[in-house]
Amino acid sequence: MSGDQELGAGMQSMMREVQSMADKFKMEDEEQYYSPYAHLEKATVLQEARIFHDPVAVRENPRKCCTVIAQLLHLQNTGQHLSGQEATEVFFGVTKLFMSDDASLRRMVYLFIKEVAETCNPDDVIIVTSSLTKDMTCDVDLYRGNALRVLTRIVDAAMLGAIERYVKQAIVDSSGQVSSSALVSSLHLFNASPENSTIVRRWISETTEATASPNEMVQFHAMQLLYQIKSNDRLGVSKLVTQYSQRNSLKSPLALVLLVRFTSKLLHDE
C-alpha cells in the first residue's frame, strides 16, 4: 500500500510540475510583443539620417548608420512613404555611404537602394550606377554579387547594354555566389521587359557553360535561365531535355527536379 501511496504522490508532483510549466507558457503567450520601431516618427528618422553626410561619423559609427537605414526601410514598408524631395535627399545621403568599408553597412546600402530605387526619380538613381559598377568589378565576392543584384534592378535596356559584358563574365565566374547572383539577376531582367529579354537571350552560351559548374545552386539557376531563354521554342526545350538527360552531367538535385518538370511539361503538351 505504501508503494501505491508513493506512486500517487509522485504522479501528483509530476502533474503539479506540468501545470506550472503550462501556466508559465500561457503567461508568456499572453505577453504582447512591442516592436522597437512601433512609435517611430518619420521626422525624427530623417533628422538622424543626416549622419550619412558626416564622413567621420560614417567611418567611426557604421552601426548607427545601419540602424538608421533599418528605420527608413521600416517606414517604407509600413506605409509611411517619403515624399519626392525627402526620398531624393535620403537617397543622396545613402550614396555617400559607399565610402565606408564596413561589410554590414554596405549590405544595408544595397538593400536600401534596391527597395527604394523604384520610388525615386530615375535621374537620381543613375548616380549610384558608377559605384555599383565599381563594386561589381572588385575583388570581394560579397560586394560583387550584391552589387550585381541591385544594379540589374535599376537599369533599363539602354543601360543594360553598357554593363552586359560584366554580367556575362559574372555568369561564368568561378565564385558560386557571384555566378548565382548573375543568373538570378538575369532571370529578373528576362521577365522585366521584352527589350531586356532580347538582350538576355544573347547570353545562352555563358548560361550553358554555367550548367557545368561544380556548384549545385549555380547549376539549378543556370537550368532555370536556360529554360526561360528557350521557353518559346518547343524544339529547343526538347533538345535541352534530351541533352541533359543523356549527358548525365547535372549533380544538383534541384536541377534534376527541374529537368523532370521540363520533361513532364513536354509530355503533357503532346
Protein backbone atom coordinates (compact mmCIF):
# COMPACT_ATOMS: atom_id res chain seq x y z
CA MET A 1 0.00 0.00 0.00
CA SER A 2 2.88 2.28 0.83
CA GLY A 3 4.14 1.69 -2.71
CA ASP A 4 0.82 2.82 -4.15
CA GLN A 5 0.92 5.94 -1.99
CA GLU A 6 4.42 6.76 -3.14
CA LEU A 7 3.36 6.26 -6.76
CA GLY A 8 0.32 8.51 -6.23
CA ALA A 9 2.43 11.21 -4.61
CA GLY A 10 4.91 11.03 -7.46
CA MET A 11 2.14 11.40 -10.02
CA GLN A 12 0.68 14.38 -8.18
CA SER A 13 4.10 16.02 -8.03
CA MET A 14 4.59 15.46 -11.76
CA MET A 15 1.13 16.87 -12.54
CA ARG A 16 1.86 19.99 -10.48
CA GLU A 17 5.13 20.48 -12.35
CA VAL A 18 3.41 20.06 -15.73
CA GLN A 19 0.67 22.51 -14.70
CA SER A 20 3.28 25.01 -13.53
CA MET A 21 5.06 24.83 -16.87
CA ALA A 22 1.73 25.17 -18.74
CA ASP A 23 0.88 28.30 -16.71
CA LYS A 24 4.31 29.74 -17.42
CA PHE A 25 3.95 29.25 -21.19
CA LYS A 26 0.44 30.70 -21.05
CA MET A 27 1.72 33.85 -19.37
CA GLU A 28 4.47 34.17 -21.99
CA ASP A 29 1.92 33.79 -24.80
CA GLU A 30 -0.28 36.47 -23.27
CA GLU A 31 2.57 38.96 -23.09
CA GLN A 32 2.35 41.36 -26.02
CA TYR A 33 5.34 41.92 -28.25
CA TYR A 34 6.20 45.53 -28.91
CA SER A 35 8.35 46.39 -31.91
CA PRO A 36 11.27 48.73 -31.14
CA TYR A 37 10.09 50.73 -34.17
CA ALA A 38 6.42 50.87 -33.08
CA HIS A 39 6.45 54.59 -32.29
CA LEU A 40 8.94 55.64 -34.93
CA GLU A 41 8.39 59.16 -36.32
CA LYS A 42 9.42 59.99 -39.85
CA ALA A 43 10.70 63.46 -38.95
CA THR A 44 12.98 62.03 -36.27
CA VAL A 45 14.41 59.39 -38.61
CA LEU A 46 15.03 61.96 -41.35
CA GLN A 47 16.87 64.09 -38.81
CA GLU A 48 19.05 61.14 -37.79
CA ALA A 49 19.70 60.35 -41.48
CA ARG A 50 21.85 63.47 -41.67
CA ILE A 51 24.62 61.31 -40.22
CA PHE A 52 25.12 59.99 -43.76
CA HIS A 53 26.62 63.34 -44.74
CA ASP A 54 29.24 63.23 -41.95
CA PRO A 55 32.30 61.26 -43.20
CA VAL A 56 33.77 60.98 -39.70
CA ALA A 57 30.56 59.61 -38.18
CA VAL A 58 30.14 57.17 -41.06
CA ARG A 59 33.67 55.88 -40.62
CA GLU A 60 33.57 55.66 -36.81
CA ASN A 61 29.98 54.55 -36.25
CA PRO A 62 28.77 52.34 -39.13
CA ARG A 63 26.36 50.51 -36.78
CA LYS A 64 24.43 53.76 -36.23
CA CYS A 65 24.13 54.17 -39.99
CA CYS A 66 22.82 50.59 -40.28
CA THR A 67 20.18 51.34 -37.64
CA VAL A 68 19.01 54.48 -39.45
CA ILE A 69 18.72 52.60 -42.75
CA ALA A 70 16.70 49.87 -40.99
CA GLN A 71 14.39 52.58 -39.62
CA LEU A 72 13.98 54.12 -43.07
CA LEU A 73 13.09 50.72 -44.52
CA HIS A 74 10.59 50.17 -41.70
CA LEU A 75 8.89 53.47 -42.55
CA GLN A 76 8.81 52.46 -46.22
CA ASN A 77 7.31 49.04 -45.51
CA THR A 78 4.65 50.34 -43.09
CA GLY A 79 3.17 52.88 -45.47
CA GLN A 80 4.99 55.96 -44.19
CA HIS A 81 6.44 56.75 -47.59
CA LEU A 82 8.91 59.56 -48.13
CA SER A 83 7.93 62.47 -50.32
CA GLY A 84 9.81 63.05 -53.57
CA GLN A 85 12.16 65.60 -52.04
CA GLU A 86 12.69 63.56 -48.88
CA ALA A 87 13.44 60.41 -50.88
CA THR A 88 15.92 62.29 -53.06
CA GLU A 89 17.75 63.79 -50.08
CA VAL A 90 17.96 60.46 -48.27
CA PHE A 91 18.99 58.65 -51.44
CA PHE A 92 21.87 61.09 -51.99
CA GLY A 93 22.91 60.59 -48.37
CA VAL A 94 22.92 56.82 -48.69
CA THR A 95 25.12 57.00 -51.80
CA LYS A 96 27.80 58.65 -49.66
CA LEU A 97 27.97 55.52 -47.51
CA PHE A 98 29.92 53.77 -50.26
CA MET A 99 32.99 55.42 -48.72
CA SER A 100 32.71 53.01 -45.79
CA ASP A 101 34.42 49.60 -45.93
CA ASP A 102 32.13 48.09 -43.28
CA ALA A 103 30.59 44.95 -44.80
CA SER A 104 27.35 45.11 -42.80
CA LEU A 105 26.75 48.73 -43.75
CA ARG A 106 27.47 48.01 -47.40
CA ARG A 107 24.86 45.25 -47.42
CA MET A 108 22.31 47.61 -45.86
CA VAL A 109 23.11 50.19 -48.55
CA TYR A 110 22.47 47.59 -51.26
CA LEU A 111 19.16 46.64 -49.63
CA PHE A 112 18.04 50.26 -49.30
CA ILE A 113 18.85 51.12 -52.91
CA LYS A 114 17.05 48.02 -54.19
CA GLU A 115 13.93 48.74 -52.10
CA VAL A 116 13.70 52.49 -52.64
CA ALA A 117 15.00 52.91 -56.20
CA GLU A 118 11.55 52.40 -57.73
CA THR A 119 10.12 55.36 -55.79
CA CYS A 120 12.96 57.73 -56.64
CA ASN A 121 13.48 59.87 -59.68
CA PRO A 122 15.20 57.71 -62.37
CA ASP A 123 17.69 60.53 -62.94
CA ASP A 124 18.74 60.31 -59.28
CA VAL A 125 19.12 56.53 -59.41
CA ILE A 126 21.61 56.81 -62.28
CA ILE A 127 24.07 58.41 -59.86
CA VAL A 128 24.70 55.15 -58.00
CA THR A 129 25.38 53.07 -61.11
CA SER A 130 29.05 54.03 -61.18
CA SER A 131 29.51 52.97 -57.53
CA LEU A 132 27.65 49.72 -58.14
CA THR A 133 29.64 49.01 -61.30
CA LYS A 134 32.84 49.60 -59.35
CA ASP A 135 31.72 47.13 -56.66
CA MET A 136 30.68 44.65 -59.35
CA THR A 137 34.26 44.52 -60.64
CA CYS A 138 36.06 44.50 -57.27
CA ASP A 139 37.77 41.52 -55.59
CA VAL A 140 35.22 40.99 -52.81
CA ASP A 141 32.68 38.32 -53.79
CA LEU A 142 30.13 39.62 -51.28
CA TYR A 143 30.19 43.07 -52.89
CA ARG A 144 30.24 41.72 -56.43
CA GLY A 145 27.20 39.51 -56.04
CA ASN A 146 25.06 42.04 -54.18
CA ALA A 147 26.04 44.96 -56.40
CA LEU A 148 25.05 42.90 -59.42
CA ARG A 149 21.64 42.11 -57.92
CA VAL A 150 20.96 45.79 -57.20
CA LEU A 151 22.31 47.09 -60.49
CA THR A 152 20.15 44.81 -62.59
CA ARG A 153 17.09 46.03 -60.67
CA ILE A 154 17.61 49.69 -61.58
CA VAL A 155 18.91 49.60 -65.16
CA ASP A 156 16.84 49.86 -68.30
CA ALA A 157 17.53 48.19 -71.65
CA ALA A 158 19.84 51.01 -72.78
CA MET A 159 21.98 50.81 -69.64
CA LEU A 160 21.90 47.01 -69.67
CA GLY A 161 23.75 47.04 -72.97
CA ALA A 162 26.54 49.02 -71.29
CA ILE A 163 27.03 46.53 -68.44
CA GLU A 164 26.26 43.41 -70.48
CA ARG A 165 29.84 42.18 -70.59
CA TYR A 166 30.14 42.39 -66.80
CA VAL A 167 27.01 40.27 -66.34
CA LYS A 168 28.21 37.69 -68.87
CA GLN A 169 31.54 37.43 -67.08
CA ALA A 170 29.79 37.04 -63.75
CA ILE A 171 27.62 34.18 -65.03
CA VAL A 172 30.72 32.03 -65.63
CA ASP A 173 32.62 33.35 -62.60
CA SER A 174 34.48 30.79 -60.50
CA SER A 175 32.70 32.03 -57.37
CA GLY A 176 29.38 30.27 -56.93
CA GLN A 177 27.98 33.27 -55.05
CA VAL A 178 28.73 35.66 -57.90
CA SER A 179 27.59 33.24 -60.59
CA SER A 180 24.27 32.53 -58.86
CA SER A 181 23.70 36.25 -58.34
CA ALA A 182 24.27 36.88 -62.03
CA LEU A 183 21.93 34.07 -63.09
CA VAL A 184 19.12 35.10 -60.72
CA SER A 185 19.51 38.73 -61.81
CA SER A 186 19.33 37.59 -65.43
CA LEU A 187 16.04 35.82 -64.68
CA HIS A 188 14.61 39.04 -63.24
CA LEU A 189 15.85 41.01 -66.24
CA PHE A 190 14.37 38.49 -68.65
CA ASN A 191 10.92 38.91 -67.12
CA ALA A 192 11.19 42.68 -66.67
CA SER A 193 10.59 43.76 -70.27
CA PRO A 194 10.74 42.45 -73.86
CA GLU A 195 13.75 44.68 -74.55
CA ASN A 196 15.68 43.17 -71.66
CA SER A 197 14.71 39.62 -72.61
CA THR A 198 16.13 40.20 -76.09
CA ILE A 199 19.50 41.07 -74.56
CA VAL A 200 19.43 38.18 -72.06
CA ARG A 201 18.80 35.70 -74.89
CA ARG A 202 22.29 36.55 -76.16
CA TRP A 203 23.78 35.05 -73.01
CA ILE A 204 22.83 31.47 -73.86
CA SER A 205 26.45 30.40 -74.35
CA GLU A 206 27.51 31.59 -70.87
CA THR A 207 24.37 30.10 -69.32
CA THR A 208 25.05 26.72 -70.92
CA GLU A 209 28.60 26.85 -69.60
CA ALA A 210 27.27 27.58 -66.10
CA THR A 211 25.30 24.32 -66.10
CA ALA A 212 28.65 22.51 -65.86
CA SER A 213 29.57 24.36 -62.66
CA PRO A 214 30.51 22.18 -59.66
CA ASN A 215 28.27 24.40 -57.54
CA GLU A 216 24.80 22.86 -57.21
CA MET A 217 22.94 26.18 -56.86
CA VAL A 218 24.67 27.55 -59.94
CA GLN A 219 23.53 24.50 -61.92
CA PHE A 220 19.98 25.00 -60.64
CA HIS A 221 19.82 28.68 -61.56
CA ALA A 222 21.50 28.06 -64.91
CA MET A 223 18.89 25.46 -65.84
CA GLN A 224 16.13 27.90 -64.90
CA LEU A 225 17.54 30.64 -67.11
CA LEU A 226 18.29 28.25 -69.96
CA TYR A 227 14.69 27.08 -69.95
CA GLN A 228 13.41 30.66 -69.88
CA ILE A 229 15.53 31.55 -72.89
CA LYS A 230 14.21 28.55 -74.86
CA SER A 231 10.66 28.50 -73.46
CA ASN A 232 9.06 29.75 -76.69
CA ASP A 233 10.98 27.22 -78.77
CA ARG A 234 9.44 23.77 -78.31
CA LEU A 235 12.18 22.08 -80.30
CA GLY A 236 14.81 23.92 -78.25
CA VAL A 237 13.25 22.74 -74.98
CA SER A 238 13.10 19.19 -76.33
CA LYS A 239 16.79 19.30 -77.23
CA LEU A 240 17.55 20.75 -73.80
CA VAL A 241 15.80 17.85 -72.05
CA THR A 242 17.38 15.23 -74.32
CA GLN A 243 20.87 16.72 -74.00
CA TYR A 244 20.95 16.86 -70.21
CA SER A 245 19.15 13.55 -69.76
CA GLN A 246 21.74 11.70 -71.84
CA ARG A 247 24.79 13.62 -70.70
CA ASN A 248 24.15 12.92 -67.00
CA SER A 249 26.19 15.98 -66.06
CA LEU A 250 23.75 17.54 -63.58
CA LYS A 251 24.78 16.85 -59.99
CA SER A 252 22.35 19.28 -58.39
CA PRO A 253 19.16 17.60 -57.04
CA LEU A 254 17.23 20.82 -57.68
CA ALA A 255 18.45 20.97 -61.28
CA LEU A 256 17.40 17.35 -61.76
CA VAL A 257 13.94 18.17 -60.42
CA LEU A 258 13.73 20.97 -62.98
CA LEU A 259 14.70 18.53 -65.71
CA VAL A 260 11.88 16.21 -64.61
CA ARG A 261 9.44 19.12 -64.68
CA PHE A 262 10.55 20.16 -68.17
CA THR A 263 10.15 16.57 -69.37
CA SER A 264 6.71 16.30 -67.80
CA LYS A 265 5.58 19.50 -69.45
CA LEU A 266 6.76 18.30 -72.85
CA LEU A 267 4.85 15.03 -72.45
CA HIS A 268 1.76 16.85 -71.22
CA ASP A 269 1.78 19.26 -74.18
CA GLU A 270 1.94 16.34 -76.58
